[in-house]
Amino acid sequence: MRRSFSASLPTRDAVGSALPAKKPVGAFRGGLFGFLAGTVAAGAAVYYYILGEYRVSNEMLSEDIEALQSATLKLQTYIGELETKVDQLKKK
């Protein structure tokens, strides 16, 4: 007696209906979507990198300007003191 391999009708229907039918994505459409997604991701990364660098350089520039202002103020007070000493020496 030979036994053949076969599935019953309910088992075949359950297996066939469990997997949804996939729509094929064309190579051009998939490649275009991947390219655009990569471009957007790279652009966003570069934007945030440049924004961070801009903030750091702006803070450094502000610190340098403040240091220059304090040095200028010290120099002005020193020059003022020298002028008063020179005026006092001329009066003697």
PDB file of N, CA and C in Angstrom:
ATOM      1  N   MET A   1       0.827  -1.171   0.000  1.00  0.00           N
ATOM      2  CA  MET A   1       0.000   0.000   0.000  1.00  0.00           C
ATOM      3  C   MET A   1       0.886   1.254   0.000  1.00  0.00           C
ATOM      4  N   ARG A   2       0.672   2.110  -0.937  1.00  0.00           N
ATOM      5  CA  ARG A   2       1.455   3.339  -1.049  1.00  0.00           C
ATOM      6  C   ARG A   2       0.705   4.506  -0.430  1.00  0.00           C
ATOM      7  N   ARG A   3       1.478   5.354   0.205  1.00  0.00           N
ATOM      8  CA  ARG A   3       0.889   6.575   0.757  1.00  0.00           C
ATOM      9  C   ARG A   3       1.419   7.758  -0.034  1.00  0.00           C
ATOM     10  N   SER A   4       0.580   8.603  -0.436  1.00  0.00           N
ATOM     11  CA  SER A   4       1.024   9.794  -1.179  1.00  0.00           C
ATOM     12  C   SER A   4       0.981  11.019  -0.259  1.00  0.00           C
ATOM     13  N   PHE A   5       1.832  11.950  -0.553  1.00  0.00           N
ATOM     14  CA  PHE A   5       1.883  13.177   0.240  1.00  0.00           C
ATOM     15  C   PHE A   5       0.850  14.150  -0.310  1.00  0.00           C
ATOM     16  N   SER A   6      -0.096  14.503   0.521  1.00  0.00           N
ATOM     17  CA  SER A   6      -1.086  15.498   0.125  1.00  0.00           C
ATOM     18  C   SER A   6      -1.626  16.157   1.376  1.00  0.00           C
ATOM     19  N   ALA A   7      -2.059  17.353   1.212  1.00  0.00           N
ATOM     20  CA  ALA A   7      -2.642  18.080   2.340  1.00  0.00           C
ATOM     21  C   ALA A   7      -4.143  18.121   2.167  1.00  0.00           C
ATOM     22  N   SER A   8      -4.795  18.175   3.248  1.00  0.00           N
ATOM     23  CA  SER A   8      -6.250  18.237   3.166  1.00  0.00           C
ATOM     24  C   SER A   8      -6.674  19.638   2.753  1.00  0.00           C
ATOM     25  N   LEU A   9      -7.855  19.825   2.368  1.00  0.00           N
ATOM     26  CA  LEU A   9      -8.383  21.084   1.860  1.00  0.00           C
ATOM     27  C   LEU A   9      -8.320  22.202   2.899  1.00  0.00           C
ATOM     28  N   PRO A  10      -8.729  22.001   4.153  1.00  0.00           N
ATOM     29  CA  PRO A  10      -8.655  23.091   5.131  1.00  0.00           C
ATOM     30  C   PRO A  10      -7.227  23.530   5.432  1.00  0.00           C
ATOM     31  N   THR A  11      -6.268  22.624   5.433  1.00  0.00           N
ATOM     32  CA  THR A  11      -4.885  22.993   5.701  1.00  0.00           C
ATOM     33  C   THR A  11      -4.329  23.840   4.569  1.00  0.00           C
ATOM     34  N   ARG A  12      -4.624  23.515   3.348  1.00  0.00           N
ATOM     35  CA  ARG A  12      -4.146  24.313   2.220  1.00  0.00           C
ATOM     36  C   ARG A  12      -4.749  25.700   2.238  1.00  0.00           C
ATOM     37  N   ASP A  13      -5.994  25.823   2.598  1.00  0.00           N
ATOM     38  CA  ASP A  13      -6.631  27.135   2.628  1.00  0.00           C
ATOM     39  C   ASP A  13      -6.065  28.006   3.742  1.00  0.00           C
ATOM     40  N   ALA A  14      -5.769  27.425   4.886  1.00  0.00           N
ATOM     41  CA  ALA A  14      -5.234  28.194   6.007  1.00  0.00           C
ATOM     42  C   ALA A  14      -3.837  28.727   5.680  1.00  0.00           C
ATOM     43  N   VAL A  15      -3.023  27.909   5.035  1.00  0.00           N
ATOM     44  CA  VAL A  15      -1.678  28.340   4.690  1.00  0.00           C
ATOM     45  C   VAL A  15      -1.724  29.410   3.615  1.00  0.00           C
ATOM     46  N   GLY A  16      -2.576  29.248   2.650  1.00  0.00           N
ATOM     47  CA  GLY A  16      -2.653  30.200   1.552  1.00  0.00           C
ATOM     48  C   GLY A  16      -3.177  31.558   1.992  1.00  0.00           C
ATOM     49  N   SER A  17      -4.066  31.625   2.947  1.00  0.00           N
ATOM     50  CA  SER A  17      -4.638  32.900   3.357  1.00  0.00           C
ATOM     51  C   SER A  17      -3.827  33.597   4.435  1.00  0.00           C
ATOM     52  N   ALA A  18      -2.849  32.920   5.050  1.00  0.00           N
ATOM     53  CA  ALA A  18      -2.061  33.528   6.121  1.00  0.00           C
ATOM     54  C   ALA A  18      -1.062  34.550   5.576  1.00  0.00           C
ATOM     55  N   LEU A  19      -0.553  34.356   4.396  1.00  0.00           N
ATOM     56  CA  LEU A  19       0.437  35.265   3.833  1.00  0.00           C
ATOM     57  C   LEU A  19      -0.238  36.284   2.937  1.00  0.00           C
ATOM     58  N   PRO A  20      -0.049  37.571   3.220  1.00  0.00           N
ATOM     59  CA  PRO A  20      -0.652  38.589   2.353  1.00  0.00           C
ATOM     60  C   PRO A  20       0.108  38.686   1.036  1.00  0.00           C
ATOM     61  N   ALA A  21      -0.578  39.081   0.041  1.00  0.00           N
ATOM     62  CA  ALA A  21       0.056  39.244  -1.266  1.00  0.00           C
ATOM     63  C   ALA A  21       0.867  40.530  -1.259  1.00  0.00           C
ATOM     64  N   LYS A  22       2.131  40.440  -1.644  1.00  0.00           N
ATOM     65  CA  LYS A  22       2.996  41.609  -1.676  1.00  0.00           C
ATOM     66  C   LYS A  22       2.974  42.221  -3.055  1.00  0.00           C
ATOM     67  N   LYS A  23       2.947  43.533  -3.063  1.00  0.00           N
ATOM     68  CA  LYS A  23       3.080  44.233  -4.334  1.00  0.00           C
ATOM     69  C   LYS A  23       4.560  44.378  -4.623  1.00  0.00           C
ATOM     70  N   PRO A  24       4.986  44.049  -5.787  1.00  0.00           N
ATOM     71  CA  PRO A  24       6.417  44.170  -6.085  1.00  0.00           C
ATOM     72  C   PRO A  24       6.819  45.645  -6.194  1.00  0.00           C
ATOM     73  N   VAL A  25       7.943  45.962  -5.601  1.00  0.00           N
ATOM     74  CA  VAL A  25       8.488  47.308  -5.693  1.00  0.00           C
ATOM     75  C   VAL A  25       9.535  47.283  -6.782  1.00  0.00           C
ATOM     76  N   GLY A  26       9.373  48.135  -7.736  1.00  0.00           N
ATOM     77  CA  GLY A  26      10.317  48.159  -8.840  1.00  0.00           C
ATOM     78  C   GLY A  26      11.684  48.630  -8.399  1.00  0.00           C
ATOM     79  N   ALA A  27      12.684  48.231  -9.116  1.00  0.00           N
ATOM     80  CA  ALA A  27      14.056  48.600  -8.765  1.00  0.00           C
ATOM     81  C   ALA A  27      14.246  50.102  -8.865  1.00  0.00           C
ATOM     82  N   PHE A  28      13.648  50.720  -9.855  1.00  0.00           N
ATOM     83  CA  PHE A  28      13.798  52.168 -10.018  1.00  0.00           C
ATOM     84  C   PHE A  28      13.121  52.904  -8.873  1.00  0.00           C
ATOM     85  N   ARG A  29      11.900  52.498  -8.546  1.00  0.00           N
ATOM     86  CA  ARG A  29      11.157  53.168  -7.486  1.00  0.00           C
ATOM     87  C   ARG A  29      11.830  52.939  -6.134  1.00  0.00           C
ATOM     88  N   GLY A  30      12.267  51.734  -5.860  1.00  0.00           N
ATOM     89  CA  GLY A  30      12.961  51.445  -4.607  1.00  0.00           C
ATOM     90  C   GLY A  30      14.287  52.168  -4.508  1.00  0.00           C
ATOM     91  N   GLY A  31      15.024  52.199  -5.604  1.00  0.00           N
ATOM     92  CA  GLY A  31      16.305  52.901  -5.612  1.00  0.00           C
ATOM     93  C   GLY A  31      16.136  54.392  -5.437  1.00  0.00           C
ATOM     94  N   LEU A  32      15.108  54.951  -6.068  1.00  0.00           N
ATOM     95  CA  LEU A  32      14.844  56.383  -5.946  1.00  0.00           C
ATOM     96  C   LEU A  32      14.448  56.727  -4.521  1.00  0.00           C
ATOM     97  N   PHE A  33      13.598  55.898  -3.925  1.00  0.00           N
ATOM     98  CA  PHE A  33      13.190  56.141  -2.538  1.00  0.00           C
ATOM     99  C   PHE A  33      14.386  56.030  -1.599  1.00  0.00           C
ATOM    100  N   GLY A  34      15.232  55.057  -1.789  1.00  0.00           N
ATOM    101  CA  GLY A  34      16.420  54.906  -0.955  1.00  0.00           C
ATOM    102  C   GLY A  34      17.379  56.071  -1.112  1.00  0.00           C
ATOM    103  N   PHE A  35      17.555  56.518  -2.347  1.00  0.00           N
ATOM    104  CA  PHE A  35      18.426  57.670  -2.596  1.00  0.00           C
ATOM    105  C   PHE A  35      17.896  58.915  -1.908  1.00  0.00           C
ATOM    106  N   LEU A  36      16.596  59.176  -2.050  1.00  0.00           N
ATOM    107  CA  LEU A  36      16.007  60.357  -1.426  1.00  0.00           C
ATOM    108  C   LEU A  36      16.056  60.264   0.100  1.00  0.00           C
ATOM    109  N   ALA A  37      15.787  59.082   0.636  1.00  0.00           N
ATOM    110  CA  ALA A  37      15.846  58.914   2.092  1.00  0.00           C
ATOM    111  C   ALA A  37      17.266  59.131   2.604  1.00  0.00           C
ATOM    112  N   GLY A  38      18.258  58.612   1.902  1.00  0.00           N
ATOM    113  CA  GLY A  38      19.649  58.811   2.291  1.00  0.00           C
ATOM    114  C   GLY A  38      20.077  60.264   2.185  1.00  0.00           C
ATOM    115  N   THR A  39      19.617  60.924   1.129  1.00  0.00           N
ATOM    116  CA  THR A  39      19.954  62.330   0.947  1.00  0.00           C
ATOM    117  C   THR A  39      19.363  63.185   2.058  1.00  0.00           C
ATOM    118  N   VAL A  40      18.122  62.921   2.412  1.00  0.00           N
ATOM    119  CA  VAL A  40      17.475  63.681   3.486  1.00  0.00           C
ATOM    120  C   VAL A  40      18.173  63.418   4.813  1.00  0.00           C
ATOM    121  N   ALA A  41      18.514  62.184   5.090  1.00  0.00           N
ATOM    122  CA  ALA A  41      19.198  61.851   6.352  1.00  0.00           C
ATOM    123  C   ALA A  41      20.571  62.511   6.412  1.00  0.00           C
ATOM    124  N   ALA A  42      21.316  62.448   5.319  1.00  0.00           N
ATOM    125  CA  ALA A  42      22.643  63.071   5.291  1.00  0.00           C
ATOM    126  C   ALA A  42      22.528  64.587   5.410  1.00  0.00           C
ATOM    127  N   GLY A  43      21.553  65.169   4.739  1.00  0.00           N
ATOM    128  CA  GLY A  43      21.348  66.620   4.828  1.00  0.00           C
ATOM    129  C   GLY A  43      21.004  67.058   6.238  1.00  0.00           C
ATOM    130  N   ALA A  44      20.153  66.292   6.917  1.00  0.00           N
ATOM    131  CA  ALA A  44      19.787  66.632   8.293  1.00  0.00           C
ATOM    132  C   ALA A  44      20.991  66.517   9.217  1.00  0.00           C
ATOM    133  N   ALA A  45      21.806  65.481   9.019  1.00  0.00           N
ATOM    134  CA  ALA A  45      22.991  65.311   9.853  1.00  0.00           C
ATOM    135  C   ALA A  45      23.975  66.463   9.643  1.00  0.00           C
ATOM    136  N   VAL A  46      24.186  66.843   8.407  1.00  0.00           N
ATOM    137  CA  VAL A  46      25.102  67.951   8.107  1.00  0.00           C
ATOM    138  C   VAL A  46      24.563  69.257   8.666  1.00  0.00           C
ATOM    139  N   TYR A  47      23.253  69.470   8.573  1.00  0.00           N
ATOM    140  CA  TYR A  47      22.639  70.698   9.094  1.00  0.00           C
ATOM    141  C   TYR A  47      22.867  70.809  10.596  1.00  0.00           C
ATOM    142  N   TYR A  48      22.619  69.738  11.345  1.00  0.00           N
ATOM    143  CA  TYR A  48      22.803  69.799  12.785  1.00  0.00           C
ATOM    144  C   TYR A  48      24.274  69.904  13.163  1.00  0.00           C
ATOM    145  N   TYR A  49      25.158  69.309  12.385  1.00  0.00           N
ATOM    146  CA  TYR A  49      26.593  69.444  12.647  1.00  0.00           C
ATOM    147  C   TYR A  49      27.033  70.889  12.445  1.00  0.00           C
ATOM    148  N   ILE A  50      26.608  71.490  11.341  1.00  0.00           N
ATOM    149  CA  ILE A  50      26.998  72.877  11.056  1.00  0.00           C
ATOM    150  C   ILE A  50      26.374  73.818  12.073  1.00  0.00           C
ATOM    151  N   LEU A  51      25.144  73.545  12.492  1.00  0.00           N
ATOM    152  CA  LEU A  51      24.491  74.378  13.501  1.00  0.00           C
ATOM    153  C   LEU A  51      25.263  74.319  14.820  1.00  0.00           C
ATOM    154  N   GLY A  52      25.725  73.152  15.216  1.00  0.00           N
ATOM    155  CA  GLY A  52      26.520  73.022  16.437  1.00  0.00           C
ATOM    156  C   GLY A  52      27.850  73.751  16.326  1.00  0.00           C
ATOM    157  N   GLU A  53      28.502  73.610  15.177  1.00  0.00           N
ATOM    158  CA  GLU A  53      29.773  74.322  14.965  1.00  0.00           C
ATOM    159  C   GLU A  53      29.574  75.831  14.986  1.00  0.00           C
ATOM    160  N   TYR A  54      28.465  76.299  14.431  1.00  0.00           N
ATOM    161  CA  TYR A  54      28.161  77.733  14.428  1.00  0.00           C
ATOM    162  C   TYR A  54      27.980  78.235  15.853  1.00  0.00           C
ATOM    163  N   ARG A  55      27.274  77.473  16.663  1.00  0.00           N
ATOM    164  CA  ARG A  55      27.059  77.890  18.056  1.00  0.00           C
ATOM    165  C   ARG A  55      28.380  77.960  18.821  1.00  0.00           C
ATOM    166  N   VAL A  56      29.235  76.970  18.625  1.00  0.00           N
ATOM    167  CA  VAL A  56      30.527  76.957  19.321  1.00  0.00           C
ATOM    168  C   VAL A  56      31.383  78.141  18.879  1.00  0.00           C
ATOM    169  N   SER A  57      31.453  78.387  17.580  1.00  0.00           N
ATOM    170  CA  SER A  57      32.275  79.496  17.091  1.00  0.00           C
ATOM    171  C   SER A  57      31.705  80.839  17.525  1.00  0.00           C
ATOM    172  N   ASN A  58      30.388  80.942  17.595  1.00  0.00           N
ATOM    173  CA  ASN A  58      29.760  82.178  18.044  1.00  0.00           C
ATOM    174  C   ASN A  58      30.078  82.441  19.511  1.00  0.00           C
ATOM    175  N   GLU A  59      30.054  81.408  20.344  1.00  0.00           N
ATOM    176  CA  GLU A  59      30.409  81.571  21.757  1.00  0.00           C
ATOM    177  C   GLU A  59      31.868  81.964  21.915  1.00  0.00           C
ATOM    178  N   MET A  60      32.752  81.344  21.130  1.00  0.00           N
ATOM    179  CA  MET A  60      34.170  81.689  21.207  1.00  0.00           C
ATOM    180  C   MET A  60      34.406  83.129  20.778  1.00  0.00           C
ATOM    181  N   LEU A  61      33.713  83.571  19.742  1.00  0.00           N
ATOM    182  CA  LEU A  61      33.852  84.945  19.277  1.00  0.00           C
ATOM    183  C   LEU A  61      33.352  85.928  20.327  1.00  0.00           C
ATOM    184  N   SER A  62      32.250  85.587  20.976  1.00  0.00           N
ATOM    185  CA  SER A  62      31.722  86.461  22.032  1.00  0.00           C
ATOM    186  C   SER A  62      32.705  86.573  23.193  1.00  0.00           C
ATOM    187  N   GLU A  63      33.328  85.454  23.571  1.00  0.00           N
ATOM    188  CA  GLU A  63      34.327  85.491  24.644  1.00  0.00           C
ATOM    189  C   GLU A  63      35.526  86.342  24.251  1.00  0.00           C
ATOM    190  N   ASP A  64      35.960  86.234  23.002  1.00  0.00           N
ATOM    191  CA  ASP A  64      37.096  87.038  22.545  1.00  0.00           C
ATOM    192  C   ASP A  64      36.751  88.525  22.536  1.00  0.00           C
ATOM    193  N   ILE A  65      35.534  88.860  22.156  1.00  0.00           N
ATOM    194  CA  ILE A  65      35.119  90.268  22.148  1.00  0.00           C
ATOM    195  C   ILE A  65      35.079  90.812  23.567  1.00  0.00           C
ATOM    196  N   GLU A  66      34.575  90.021  24.509  1.00  0.00           N
ATOM    197  CA  GLU A  66      34.546  90.462  25.901  1.00  0.00           C
ATOM    198  C   GLU A  66      35.955  90.644  26.449  1.00  0.00           C
ATOM    199  N   ALA A  67      36.871  89.754  26.096  1.00  0.00           N
ATOM    200  CA  ALA A  67      38.259  89.883  26.542  1.00  0.00           C
ATOM    201  C   ALA A  67      38.901  91.128  25.949  1.00  0.00           C
ATOM    202  N   LEU A  68      38.611  91.403  24.695  1.00  0.00           N
ATOM    203  CA  LEU A  68      39.147  92.610  24.052  1.00  0.00           C
ATOM    204  C   LEU A  68      38.591  93.865  24.698  1.00  0.00           C
ATOM    205  N   GLN A  69      37.312  93.855  25.057  1.00  0.00           N
ATOM    206  CA  GLN A  69      36.724  95.016  25.723  1.00  0.00           C
ATOM    207  C   GLN A  69      37.350  95.252  27.091  1.00  0.00           C
ATOM    208  N   SER A  70      37.583  94.189  27.843  1.00  0.00           N
ATOM    209  CA  SER A  70      38.203  94.367  29.163  1.00  0.00           C
ATOM    210  C   SER A  70      39.647  94.838  29.022  1.00  0.00           C
ATOM    211  N   ALA A  71      40.368  94.342  28.035  1.00  0.00           N
ATOM    212  CA  ALA A  71      41.750  94.796  27.822  1.00  0.00           C
ATOM    213  C   ALA A  71      41.777  96.256  27.401  1.00  0.00           C
ATOM    214  N   THR A  72      40.836  96.652  26.568  1.00  0.00           N
ATOM    215  CA  THR A  72      40.757  98.053  26.143  1.00  0.00           C
ATOM    216  C   THR A  72      40.436  98.962  27.317  1.00  0.00           C
ATOM    217  N   LEU A  73      39.545  98.524  28.193  1.00  0.00           N
ATOM    218  CA  LEU A  73      39.191  99.316  29.368  1.00  0.00           C
ATOM    219  C   LEU A  73      40.390  99.464  30.297  1.00  0.00           C
ATOM    220  N   LYS A  74      41.151  98.384  30.491  1.00  0.00           N
ATOM    221  CA  LYS A  74      42.352  98.457  31.331  1.00  0.00           C
ATOM    222  C   LYS A  74      43.371  99.409  30.723  1.00  0.00           C
ATOM    223  N   LEU A  75      43.526  99.350  29.411  1.00  0.00           N
ATOM    224  CA  LEU A  75      44.474 100.237  28.738  1.00  0.00           C
ATOM    225  C   LEU A  75      44.051 101.693  28.851  1.00  0.00           C
ATOM    226  N   GLN A  76      42.775 101.965  28.749  1.00  0.00           N
ATOM    227  CA  GLN A  76      42.282 103.346  28.879  1.00  0.00           C
ATOM    228  C   GLN A  76      42.535 103.875  30.280  1.00  0.00           C
ATOM    229  N   THR A  77      42.287 103.043  31.295  1.00  0.00           N
ATOM    230  CA  THR A  77      42.549 103.515  32.668  1.00  0.00           C
ATOM    231  C   THR A  77      44.046 103.735  32.886  1.00  0.00           C
ATOM    232  N   TYR A  78      44.880 102.878  32.330  1.00  0.00           N
ATOM    233  CA  TYR A  78      46.323 103.037  32.472  1.00  0.00           C
ATOM    234  C   TYR A  78      46.798 104.311  31.779  1.00  0.00           C
ATOM    235  N   ILE A  79      46.281 104.572  30.587  1.00  0.00           N
ATOM    236  CA  ILE A  79      46.667 105.793  29.864  1.00  0.00           C
ATOM    237  C   ILE A  79      46.190 107.028  30.620  1.00  0.00           C
ATOM    238  N   GLY A  80      44.992 106.948  31.192  1.00  0.00           N
ATOM    239  CA  GLY A  80      44.495 108.079  31.983  1.00  0.00           C
ATOM    240  C   GLY A  80      45.374 108.356  33.188  1.00  0.00           C
ATOM    241  N   GLU A  81      45.827 107.311  33.865  1.00  0.00           N
ATOM    242  CA  GLU A  81      46.728 107.492  35.008  1.00  0.00           C
ATOM    243  C   GLU A  81      48.052 108.100  34.557  1.00  0.00           C
ATOM    244  N   LEU A  82      48.591 107.632  33.431  1.00  0.00           N
ATOM    245  CA  LEU A  82      49.848 108.203  32.927  1.00  0.00           C
ATOM    246  C   LEU A  82      49.688 109.675  32.570  1.00  0.00           C
ATOM    247  N   GLU A  83      48.572 110.045  31.975  1.00  0.00           N
ATOM    248  CA  GLU A  83      48.348 111.451  31.616  1.00  0.00           C
ATOM    249  C   GLU A  83      48.266 112.329  32.855  1.00  0.00           C
ATOM    250  N   THR A  84      47.624 111.835  33.908  1.00  0.00           N
ATOM    251  CA  THR A  84      47.553 112.639  35.137  1.00  0.00           C
ATOM    252  C   THR A  84      48.940 112.777  35.757  1.00  0.00           C
ATOM    253  N   LYS A  85      49.741 111.728  35.718  1.00  0.00           N
ATOM    254  CA  LYS A  85      51.108 111.816  36.272  1.00  0.00           C
ATOM    255  C   LYS A  85      51.962 112.777  35.453  1.00  0.00           C
ATOM    256  N   VAL A  86      51.812 112.768  34.120  1.00  0.00           N
ATOM    257  CA  VAL A  86      52.580 113.686  33.270  1.00  0.00           C
ATOM    258  C   VAL A  86      52.135 115.117  33.532  1.00  0.00           C
ATOM    259  N   ASP A  87      50.842 115.347  33.703  1.00  0.00           N
ATOM    260  CA  ASP A  87      50.353 116.700  34.001  1.00  0.00           C
ATOM    261  C   ASP A  87      50.879 117.188  35.349  1.00  0.00           C
ATOM    262  N   GLN A  88      50.936 116.294  36.336  1.00  0.00           N
ATOM    263  CA  GLN A  88      51.467 116.671  37.643  1.00  0.00           C
ATOM    264  C   GLN A  88      52.946 117.017  37.544  1.00  0.00           C
ATOM    265  N   LEU A  89      53.698 116.267  36.731  1.00  0.00           N
ATOM    266  CA  LEU A  89      55.128 116.566  36.590  1.00  0.00           C
ATOM    267  C   LEU A  89      55.365 117.872  35.853  1.00  0.00           C
ATOM    268  N   LYS A  90      54.492 118.224  34.913  1.00  0.00           N
ATOM    269  CA  LYS A  90      54.635 119.488  34.157  1.00  0.00           C
ATOM    270  C   LYS A  90      54.323 120.678  35.062  1.00  0.00           C
ATOM    271  N   LYS A  91      53.428 120.511  36.015  1.00  0.00           N
ATOM    272  CA  LYS A  91      53.053 121.601  36.910  1.00  0.00           C
ATOM    273  C   LYS A  91      54.171 121.903  37.927  1.00  0.00           C
ATOM    274  N   LYS A  92      54.996 120.973  38.214  1.00  0.00           N
ATOM    275  CA  LYS A  92      56.074 121.186  39.206  1.00  0.00           C
ATOM    276  C   LYS A  92      57.177 121.976  38.658  1.00  0.00           C
TER     277      LYS A  92
END
